[in-house]
Protein backbone atom coordinates (compact mmCIF):
# COMPACT_ATOMS: atom_id res chain seq x y z
CA MET A 1 7.49 -2.59 -30.18
CA VAL A 2 9.35 -5.45 -28.10
CA ILE A 3 11.68 -4.29 -25.57
CA SER A 4 15.25 -4.06 -26.57
CA GLN A 5 17.96 -6.34 -25.21
CA GLU A 6 19.99 -3.25 -23.96
CA THR A 7 16.82 -1.97 -22.17
CA LEU A 8 16.12 -5.23 -20.73
CA GLU A 9 19.63 -5.45 -19.35
CA LYS A 10 19.33 -2.02 -17.78
CA VAL A 11 16.17 -2.80 -16.35
CA LYS A 12 17.31 -6.12 -14.71
CA LYS A 13 20.18 -4.05 -13.29
CA MET A 14 17.90 -1.32 -11.88
CA LEU A 15 15.66 -4.22 -10.48
CA LEU A 16 18.60 -6.01 -8.73
CA GLU A 17 20.09 -2.58 -7.34
CA GLU A 18 16.59 -1.75 -5.91
CA LYS A 19 16.28 -5.29 -4.52
CA ALA A 20 19.64 -4.96 -2.62
CA ARG A 21 18.82 -1.56 -1.49
CA ILE A 22 15.64 -2.78 0.12
CA LEU A 23 17.08 -5.88 1.54
CA ARG A 24 19.69 -3.41 3.32
CA LYS A 25 16.91 -1.16 4.44
CA LEU A 26 14.92 -3.96 5.75
CA GLU A 27 17.76 -5.52 7.73
CA LYS A 28 18.48 -1.96 9.14
CA SER A 29 14.75 -1.61 10.16
CA MET A 30 14.69 -4.92 11.95
CA GLU A 31 17.92 -4.16 13.77
CA GLU A 32 16.27 -0.76 14.80
CA VAL A 33 13.02 -2.62 15.84
CA ASN A 34 15.06 -5.15 18.04
CA ASN A 35 17.11 -2.25 19.67
CA HIS A 36 13.66 -0.52 20.45
CA ARG A 37 12.39 -3.68 22.00
CA ASN A 38 15.37 -4.06 24.11
CA GLU A 39 15.28 -0.48 25.03
CA ARG A 40 11.53 -0.55 25.98
CA SER A 41 12.08 -3.00 28.71
CA VAL A 42 14.15 -0.18 30.39
CA GLY A 43 12.49 3.38 31.05
CA ASP A 44 8.98 4.97 31.88
CA GLU A 45 5.69 4.59 30.18
CA VAL A 46 6.16 7.40 28.07
CA ASP A 47 9.40 6.03 26.67
CA SER A 48 7.72 2.82 26.15
CA ALA A 49 4.89 4.48 24.09
CA VAL A 50 7.07 6.34 21.80
CA SER A 51 9.25 3.39 21.37
CA LEU A 52 6.18 1.21 20.60
CA GLU A 53 4.96 3.92 18.17
CA MET A 54 8.31 3.90 16.49
CA GLU A 55 8.31 -0.07 16.39
CA ASN A 56 4.66 0.20 14.76
CA LEU A 57 5.88 2.82 12.06
CA MET A 58 9.09 0.71 11.19
CA ASN A 59 6.73 -2.41 10.89
CA ALA A 60 4.57 -0.33 8.41
CA LEU A 61 7.56 0.93 6.42
CA SER A 62 8.93 -2.81 6.18
CA GLY A 63 5.59 -3.88 4.99
CA MET A 64 5.66 -1.37 1.98
CA GLU A 65 9.24 -2.31 1.22
CA ALA A 66 8.34 -5.90 1.35
CA ALA A 67 5.60 -5.27 -1.06
CA ARG A 68 8.04 -3.43 -3.42
CA LEU A 69 10.40 -6.36 -3.07
CA ARG A 70 7.59 -8.89 -4.21
CA GLN A 71 6.98 -6.67 -7.30
CA ILE A 72 10.68 -6.70 -8.05
CA GLU A 73 10.98 -10.49 -7.59
CA ASP A 74 8.06 -10.82 -10.13
CA ALA A 75 9.62 -8.49 -12.63
CA LEU A 76 12.82 -10.52 -12.34
CA ARG A 77 10.89 -13.77 -12.63
CA ARG A 78 9.24 -12.40 -15.81
CA ILE A 79 12.54 -11.43 -17.22
CA GLU A 80 13.79 -14.90 -16.90
CA GLU A 81 10.68 -16.47 -18.38
CA GLY A 82 10.74 -13.97 -21.45
CA THR A 83 7.41 -12.41 -20.53
CA TYR A 84 8.84 -9.22 -19.26
CA GLY A 85 7.79 -6.05 -20.83
CA TYR A 86 4.29 -7.33 -21.95
CA CYS A 87 1.05 -5.93 -20.38
CA LYS A 88 -0.75 -8.53 -18.19
CA GLU A 89 -4.12 -7.01 -19.19
CA CYS A 90 -3.92 -6.69 -23.02
CA GLY A 91 -0.64 -8.57 -23.76
CA GLU A 92 0.73 -5.58 -25.88
CA PRO A 93 4.29 -4.41 -25.30
CA ILE A 94 4.73 -2.08 -22.37
CA GLU A 95 6.54 1.24 -23.72
CA GLU A 96 10.30 1.17 -22.84
CA GLY A 97 10.09 4.58 -21.31
CA ARG A 98 7.55 3.20 -18.73
CA LEU A 99 9.63 0.24 -17.80
CA LEU A 100 12.72 2.37 -17.40
CA ALA A 101 10.65 4.63 -15.20
CA LYS A 102 8.76 1.79 -13.46
CA PRO A 103 10.66 -1.37 -13.99
CA PHE A 104 8.18 -3.54 -12.04
CA ALA A 105 5.33 -2.16 -14.23
CA THR A 106 2.88 -4.87 -15.45
CA LEU A 107 0.34 -2.78 -17.29
CA CYS A 108 0.83 -0.57 -20.19
CA ILE A 109 -0.17 3.18 -19.87
CA SER A 110 -3.60 2.73 -21.53
CA CYS A 111 -4.64 -0.35 -19.34
CA LYS A 112 -3.19 1.55 -16.18
CA GLU A 113 -5.22 4.48 -16.95
CA ALA A 114 -8.21 2.26 -17.73
CA GLU A 115 -7.64 0.55 -14.17
CA GLU A 116 -7.37 4.00 -12.27
CA ARG A 117 -10.47 5.16 -14.04
CA LYS A 118 -12.44 2.22 -12.72
CA ARG A 119 -10.91 2.77 -9.13
CA TYR A 120 -12.46 6.33 -9.07
């Protein structure tokens, strides 16, 4: 079954909202990292070590958010191209429930399960 226009619009809205949330979060994280850099120049070595650890954690979180952002951008591109909702492995339509739960999914449930079995 091909994805309905109603579901497609709902998914696009979800993707755009998630994109905006991530961008806000990344902006806030960058501000916090910059603040910690400025604070690190003042204080003792323990404060510096804690601050550096926090900066590393923020950078790791930002990396995960950036990866999610790339997935969202890819899904939005596929919507515009008209290829959204089809499994990149088998070409069959991805179940609407799966797309609503994970709007950036690129594999149908069967192909995702097969991929996970190969991994383990």
